[in-house]
PDB file of N, CA and C in Angstrom:
ATOM      1  N   MET A   1    -138.558  66.819-219.368  1.00  0.00           N
ATOM      2  CA  MET A   1    -137.249  66.894-219.251  1.00  0.00           C
ATOM      3  C   MET A   1    -136.670  66.525-218.004  1.00  0.00           C
ATOM      4  N   GLU A   2    -137.569  66.757-216.679  1.00  0.00           N
ATOM      5  CA  GLU A   2    -137.595  67.002-215.371  1.00  0.00           C
ATOM      6  C   GLU A   2    -137.709  65.467-214.913  1.00  0.00           C
ATOM      7  N   SER A   3    -138.248  64.719-215.564  1.00  0.00           N
ATOM      8  CA  SER A   3    -138.627  63.529-215.330  1.00  0.00           C
ATOM      9  C   SER A   3    -137.301  62.289-215.061  1.00  0.00           C
ATOM     10  N   GLY A   4    -136.303  62.257-216.036  1.00  0.00           N
ATOM     11  CA  GLY A   4    -135.542  61.757-215.674  1.00  0.00           C
ATOM     12  C   GLY A   4    -134.657  61.443-214.617  1.00  0.00           C
ATOM     13  N   PRO A   5    -134.681  62.629-213.904  1.00  0.00           N
ATOM     14  CA  PRO A   5    -133.956  62.635-212.488  1.00  0.00           C
ATOM     15  C   PRO A   5    -134.575  62.087-211.745  1.00  0.00           C
ATOM     16  N   ALA A   6    -135.906  61.932-211.610  1.00  0.00           N
ATOM     17  CA  ALA A   6    -136.706  61.260-210.840  1.00  0.00           C
ATOM     18  C   ALA A   6    -137.102  59.651-211.232  1.00  0.00           C
ATOM     19  N   ILE A   7    -136.857  59.526-212.064  1.00  0.00           N
ATOM     20  CA  ILE A   7    -137.307  58.150-212.626  1.00  0.00           C
ATOM     21  C   ILE A   7    -136.155  57.429-211.650  1.00  0.00           C
ATOM     22  N   PHE A   8    -134.433  57.927-211.824  1.00  0.00           N
ATOM     23  CA  PHE A   8    -133.096  57.505-211.724  1.00  0.00           C
ATOM     24  C   PHE A   8    -133.526  57.533-210.231  1.00  0.00           C
ATOM     25  N   ALA A   9    -133.601  58.568-209.575  1.00  0.00           N
ATOM     26  CA  ALA A   9    -133.858  58.532-207.943  1.00  0.00           C
ATOM     27  C   ALA A   9    -134.920  57.382-207.212  1.00  0.00           C
ATOM     28  N   GLY A  10    -135.936  57.472-207.811  1.00  0.00           N
ATOM     29  CA  GLY A  10    -136.731  56.455-207.465  1.00  0.00           C
ATOM     30  C   GLY A  10    -136.402  55.533-207.906  1.00  0.00           C
ATOM     31  N   MET A  11    -135.651  54.688-209.112  1.00  0.00           N
ATOM     32  CA  MET A  11    -134.686  53.620-209.385  1.00  0.00           C
ATOM     33  C   MET A  11    -133.739  52.989-207.788  1.00  0.00           C
ATOM     34  N   VAL A  12    -133.060  54.632-207.648  1.00  0.00           N
ATOM     35  CA  VAL A  12    -132.184  54.100-206.903  1.00  0.00           C
ATOM     36  C   VAL A  12    -132.551  53.658-205.645  1.00  0.00           C
ATOM     37  N   PHE A  13    -133.592  54.301-205.131  1.00  0.00           N
ATOM     38  CA  PHE A  13    -134.420  54.380-203.822  1.00  0.00           C
ATOM     39  C   PHE A  13    -134.711  52.954-203.752  1.00  0.00           C
ATOM     40  N   ALA A  14    -135.948  52.420-204.823  1.00  0.00           N
ATOM     41  CA  ALA A  14    -136.551  50.964-204.548  1.00  0.00           C
ATOM     42  C   ALA A  14    -135.602  50.179-204.487  1.00  0.00           C
ATOM     43  N   LEU A  15    -134.790  49.811-205.401  1.00  0.00           N
ATOM     44  CA  LEU A  15    -133.775  49.318-205.618  1.00  0.00           C
ATOM     45  C   LEU A  15    -132.879  48.639-204.571  1.00  0.00           C
ATOM     46  N   PHE A  16    -132.322  50.248-203.774  1.00  0.00           N
ATOM     47  CA  PHE A  16    -131.614  49.290-202.513  1.00  0.00           C
ATOM     48  C   PHE A  16    -132.396  49.508-201.124  1.00  0.00           C
ATOM     49  N   GLY A  17    -133.776  49.815-201.068  1.00  0.00           N
ATOM     50  CA  GLY A  17    -134.970  49.737-200.080  1.00  0.00           C
ATOM     51  C   GLY A  17    -135.070  47.871-199.834  1.00  0.00           C
ATOM     52  N   GLY A  18    -135.365  47.686-201.290  1.00  0.00           N
ATOM     53  CA  GLY A  18    -135.798  46.499-201.437  1.00  0.00           C
ATOM     54  C   GLY A  18    -134.964  45.332-201.266  1.00  0.00           C
ATOM     55  N   ALA A  19    -133.559  45.742-201.778  1.00  0.00           N
ATOM     56  CA  ALA A  19    -132.418  45.109-201.504  1.00  0.00           C
ATOM     57  C   ALA A  19    -131.942  45.084-200.146  1.00  0.00           C
ATOM     58  N   LEU A  20    -131.746  46.343-199.232  1.00  0.00           N
ATOM     59  CA  LEU A  20    -131.777  46.255-197.778  1.00  0.00           C
ATOM     60  C   LEU A  20    -132.921  44.836-196.841  1.00  0.00           C
ATOM     61  N   LEU A  21    -133.993  45.211-197.101  1.00  0.00           N
ATOM     62  CA  LEU A  21    -134.945  44.634-196.362  1.00  0.00           C
ATOM     63  C   LEU A  21    -135.160  43.070-196.867  1.00  0.00           C
ATOM     64  N   MET A  22    -134.740  42.650-198.325  1.00  0.00           N
ATOM     65  CA  MET A  22    -134.363  41.257-198.480  1.00  0.00           C
ATOM     66  C   MET A  22    -133.533  40.602-197.699  1.00  0.00           C
ATOM     67  N   TRP A  23    -132.405  41.425-197.692  1.00  0.00           N
ATOM     68  CA  TRP A  23    -131.363  40.745-196.973  1.00  0.00           C
ATOM     69  C   TRP A  23    -131.369  40.858-195.146  1.00  0.00           C
ATOM     70  N   THR A  24    -132.412  41.692-194.898  1.00  0.00           N
ATOM     71  CA  THR A  24    -132.477  41.839-193.444  1.00  0.00           C
ATOM     72  C   THR A  24    -133.477  40.685-193.354  1.00  0.00           C
ATOM     73  N   VAL A  25    -134.522  40.100-194.083  1.00  0.00           N
ATOM     74  CA  VAL A  25    -135.521  38.856-193.735  1.00  0.00           C
ATOM     75  C   VAL A  25    -134.762  37.730-193.726  1.00  0.00           C
ATOM     76  N   VAL A  26    -133.588  37.831-194.609  1.00  0.00           N
ATOM     77  CA  VAL A  26    -133.014  36.050-194.690  1.00  0.00           C
ATOM     78  C   VAL A  26    -132.269  36.111-193.462  1.00  0.00           C
ATOM     79  N   ARG A  27    -131.084  37.111-193.000  1.00  0.00           N
ATOM     80  CA  ARG A  27    -130.380  37.264-191.892  1.00  0.00           C
ATOM     81  C   ARG A  27    -131.496  37.017-191.011  1.00  0.00           C
ATOM     82  N   VAL A  28    -132.410  37.396-190.575  1.00  0.00           N
ATOM     83  CA  VAL A  28    -133.640  36.939-189.337  1.00  0.00           C
ATOM     84  C   VAL A  28    -133.567  35.746-189.280  1.00  0.00           C
ATOM     85  N   ARG A  29    -134.255  35.139-190.279  1.00  0.00           N
ATOM     86  CA  ARG A  29    -134.821  34.228-190.804  1.00  0.00           C
ATOM     87  C   ARG A  29    -133.695  32.628-190.469  1.00  0.00           C
ATOM     88  N   HIS A  30    -132.261  32.969-190.879  1.00  0.00           N
ATOM     89  CA  HIS A  30    -131.577  32.595-190.619  1.00  0.00           C
ATOM     90  C   HIS A  30    -130.699  32.498-189.116  1.00  0.00           C
ATOM     91  N   GLY A  31    -131.270  33.089-188.342  1.00  0.00           N
ATOM     92  CA  GLY A  31    -131.035  33.754-187.222  1.00  0.00           C
ATOM     93  C   GLY A  31    -129.347  34.067-186.966  1.00  0.00           C
ATOM     94  N   GLU A  32    -129.021  34.577-187.868  1.00  0.00           N
ATOM     95  CA  GLU A  32    -127.829  35.184-188.297  1.00  0.00           C
ATOM     96  C   GLU A  32    -127.856  37.099-187.758  1.00  0.00           C
ATOM     97  N   PRO A  33    -126.949  37.721-187.192  1.00  0.00           N
ATOM     98  CA  PRO A  33    -126.779  39.035-186.642  1.00  0.00           C
ATOM     99  C   PRO A  33    -127.025  39.797-187.759  1.00  0.00           C
ATOM    100  N   VAL A  34    -127.789  40.908-187.731  1.00  0.00           N
ATOM    101  CA  VAL A  34    -128.018  41.774-189.330  1.00  0.00           C
ATOM    102  C   VAL A  34    -126.660  42.608-189.052  1.00  0.00           C
ATOM    103  N   ALA A  35    -126.406  43.598-187.731  1.00  0.00           N
ATOM    104  CA  ALA A  35    -124.746  44.074-187.503  1.00  0.00           C
ATOM    105  C   ALA A  35    -124.404  43.546-186.099  1.00  0.00           C
ATOM    106  N   HIS A  36    -123.145  43.174-186.796  1.00  0.00           N
ATOM    107  CA  HIS A  36    -122.197  42.769-185.644  1.00  0.00           C
ATOM    108  C   HIS A  36    -121.611  43.607-184.185  1.00  0.00           C
ATOM    109  N   GLY A  37    -122.132  43.113-183.485  1.00  0.00           N
ATOM    110  CA  GLY A  37    -121.620  43.838-181.803  1.00  0.00           C
ATOM    111  C   GLY A  37    -122.981  45.080-181.321  1.00  0.00           C
ATOM    112  N   VAL A  38    -124.022  44.603-182.420  1.00  0.00           N
ATOM    113  CA  VAL A  38    -125.104  45.363-181.461  1.00  0.00           C
ATOM    114  C   VAL A  38    -126.622  44.630-181.363  1.00  0.00           C
ATOM    115  N   ASN A  39    -127.306  44.571-180.683  1.00  0.00           N
ATOM    116  CA  ASN A  39    -128.073  43.915-180.276  1.00  0.00           C
ATOM    117  C   ASN A  39    -129.003  43.697-181.526  1.00  0.00           C
ATOM    118  N   PRO A  40    -129.347  42.229-181.765  1.00  0.00           N
ATOM    119  CA  PRO A  40    -130.087  41.594-183.334  1.00  0.00           C
ATOM    120  C   PRO A  40    -131.612  42.216-183.455  1.00  0.00           C
ATOM    121  N   VAL A  41    -132.376  42.560-182.195  1.00  0.00           N
ATOM    122  CA  VAL A  41    -133.530  43.032-182.154  1.00  0.00           C
ATOM    123  C   VAL A  41    -133.787  44.576-182.689  1.00  0.00           C
ATOM    124  N   ALA A  42    -132.610  45.365-182.233  1.00  0.00           N
ATOM    125  CA  ALA A  42    -132.535  46.660-182.671  1.00  0.00           C
ATOM    126  C   ALA A  42    -131.855  46.492-184.034  1.00  0.00           C
ATOM    127  N   SER A  43    -130.827  46.195-184.323  1.00  0.00           N
ATOM    128  CA  SER A  43    -130.438  46.213-185.579  1.00  0.00           C
ATOM    129  C   SER A  43    -131.384  45.709-186.856  1.00  0.00           C
ATOM    130  N   ALA A  44    -131.896  44.819-186.618  1.00  0.00           N
ATOM    131  CA  ALA A  44    -132.964  44.428-187.570  1.00  0.00           C
ATOM    132  C   ALA A  44    -134.356  45.434-187.665  1.00  0.00           C
ATOM    133  N   THR A  45    -134.953  45.985-186.658  1.00  0.00           N
ATOM    134  CA  THR A  45    -135.903  46.741-186.304  1.00  0.00           C
ATOM    135  C   THR A  45    -135.171  47.722-187.294  1.00  0.00           C
ATOM    136  N   LEU A  46    -134.467  48.363-187.093  1.00  0.00           N
ATOM    137  CA  LEU A  46    -133.263  50.118-187.806  1.00  0.00           C
ATOM    138  C   LEU A  46    -133.041  49.369-189.281  1.00  0.00           C
ATOM    139  N   ALA A  47    -132.896  48.580-189.496  1.00  0.00           N
ATOM    140  CA  ALA A  47    -132.363  48.264-190.885  1.00  0.00           C
ATOM    141  C   ALA A  47    -133.456  47.868-191.715  1.00  0.00           C
ATOM    142  N   SER A  48    -134.731  47.519-190.952  1.00  0.00           N
ATOM    143  CA  SER A  48    -136.140  47.329-191.590  1.00  0.00           C
ATOM    144  C   SER A  48    -136.668  48.776-191.632  1.00  0.00           C
ATOM    145  N   LEU A  49    -136.558  49.459-190.817  1.00  0.00           N
ATOM    146  CA  LEU A  49    -137.104  50.922-190.768  1.00  0.00           C
ATOM    147  C   LEU A  49    -136.749  51.769-192.334  1.00  0.00           C
ATOM    148  N   ALA A  50    -134.948  51.197-192.460  1.00  0.00           N
ATOM    149  CA  ALA A  50    -134.470  52.318-193.208  1.00  0.00           C
ATOM    150  C   ALA A  50    -134.974  51.830-194.359  1.00  0.00           C
ATOM    151  N   SER A  51    -135.107  50.398-194.925  1.00  0.00           N
ATOM    152  CA  SER A  51    -135.465  50.321-195.843  1.00  0.00           C
ATOM    153  C   SER A  51    -136.707  50.534-196.571  1.00  0.00           C
ATOM    154  N   VAL A  52    -137.930  50.468-195.395  1.00  0.00           N
ATOM    155  CA  VAL A  52    -139.277  50.468-195.684  1.00  0.00           C
ATOM    156  C   VAL A  52    -139.500  52.342-195.965  1.00  0.00           C
ATOM    157  N   ILE A  53    -138.363  53.451-195.364  1.00  0.00           N
ATOM    158  CA  ILE A  53    -138.429  54.289-195.696  1.00  0.00           C
ATOM    159  C   ILE A  53    -137.589  54.766-197.293  1.00  0.00           C
ATOM    160  N   MET A  54    -136.874  53.672-197.394  1.00  0.00           N
ATOM    161  CA  MET A  54    -136.194  53.860-198.578  1.00  0.00           C
ATOM    162  C   MET A  54    -137.431  53.975-200.225  1.00  0.00           C
ATOM    163  N   LEU A  55    -138.080  52.948-199.641  1.00  0.00           N
ATOM    164  CA  LEU A  55    -139.254  52.267-200.522  1.00  0.00           C
ATOM    165  C   LEU A  55    -140.180  53.222-200.399  1.00  0.00           C
ATOM    166  N   VAL A  56    -140.564  53.735-199.616  1.00  0.00           N
ATOM    167  CA  VAL A  56    -141.553  55.374-199.237  1.00  0.00           C
ATOM    168  C   VAL A  56    -141.129  56.040-200.159  1.00  0.00           C
ATOM    169  N   LEU A  57    -139.706  56.382-200.249  1.00  0.00           N
ATOM    170  CA  LEU A  57    -138.921  57.531-200.964  1.00  0.00           C
ATOM    171  C   LEU A  57    -138.999  57.375-202.367  1.00  0.00           C
ATOM    172  N   GLY A  58    -138.518  56.586-202.829  1.00  0.00           N
ATOM    173  CA  GLY A  58    -138.894  55.971-204.176  1.00  0.00           C
ATOM    174  C   GLY A  58    -140.094  55.818-204.660  1.00  0.00           C
ATOM    175  N   THR A  59    -141.328  55.130-203.807  1.00  0.00           N
ATOM    176  CA  THR A  59    -142.613  55.404-204.800  1.00  0.00           C
ATOM    177  C   THR A  59    -142.780  57.127-204.613  1.00  0.00           C
ATOM    178  N   TRP A  60    -142.655  58.036-203.917  1.00  0.00           N
ATOM    179  CA  TRP A  60    -142.772  59.286-203.717  1.00  0.00           C
ATOM    180  C   TRP A  60    -141.891  59.894-204.823  1.00  0.00           C
ATOM    181  N   CYS A  61    -140.822  59.226-205.621  1.00  0.00           N
ATOM    182  CA  CYS A  61    -140.154  59.959-206.228  1.00  0.00           C
ATOM    183  C   CYS A  61    -140.871  59.277-207.633  1.00  0.00           C
ATOM    184  N   PHE A  62    -141.443  58.308-207.562  1.00  0.00           N
ATOM    185  CA  PHE A  62    -142.004  57.715-209.358  1.00  0.00           C
ATOM    186  C   PHE A  62    -143.602  58.262-209.415  1.00  0.00           C
ATOM    187  N   THR A  63    -143.999  59.066-207.856  1.00  0.00           N
ATOM    188  CA  THR A  63    -145.149  59.988-208.715  1.00  0.00           C
ATOM    189  C   THR A  63    -145.341  61.391-208.644  1.00  0.00           C
ATOM    190  N   ARG A  64    -143.734  61.767-208.995  1.00  0.00           N
ATOM    191  CA  ARG A  64    -143.114  63.411-209.261  1.00  0.00           C
ATOM    192  C   ARG A  64    -143.059  62.778-211.143  1.00  0.00           C
ATOM    193  N   VAL A  65    -143.086  61.834-211.103  1.00  0.00           N
ATOM    194  CA  VAL A  65    -142.966  61.764-212.878  1.00  0.00           C
ATOM    195  C   VAL A  65    -143.804  62.645-213.642  1.00  0.00           C
TER     196      VAL A  65
END
């Protein structure tokens, strides 16, 4: 019964982290800013770090099933 919330949370974290990482990579490859009005390197680094953290949290949730 407790595995349902862990699966849901893991999917949410994994989907968000994967989508954010993919979006960041596409923006950087096209030379477009990741966030407007912010240093391009800092915004790409912060977005990449956040997406990796979300993927790690998703993996952690899946290990709790």
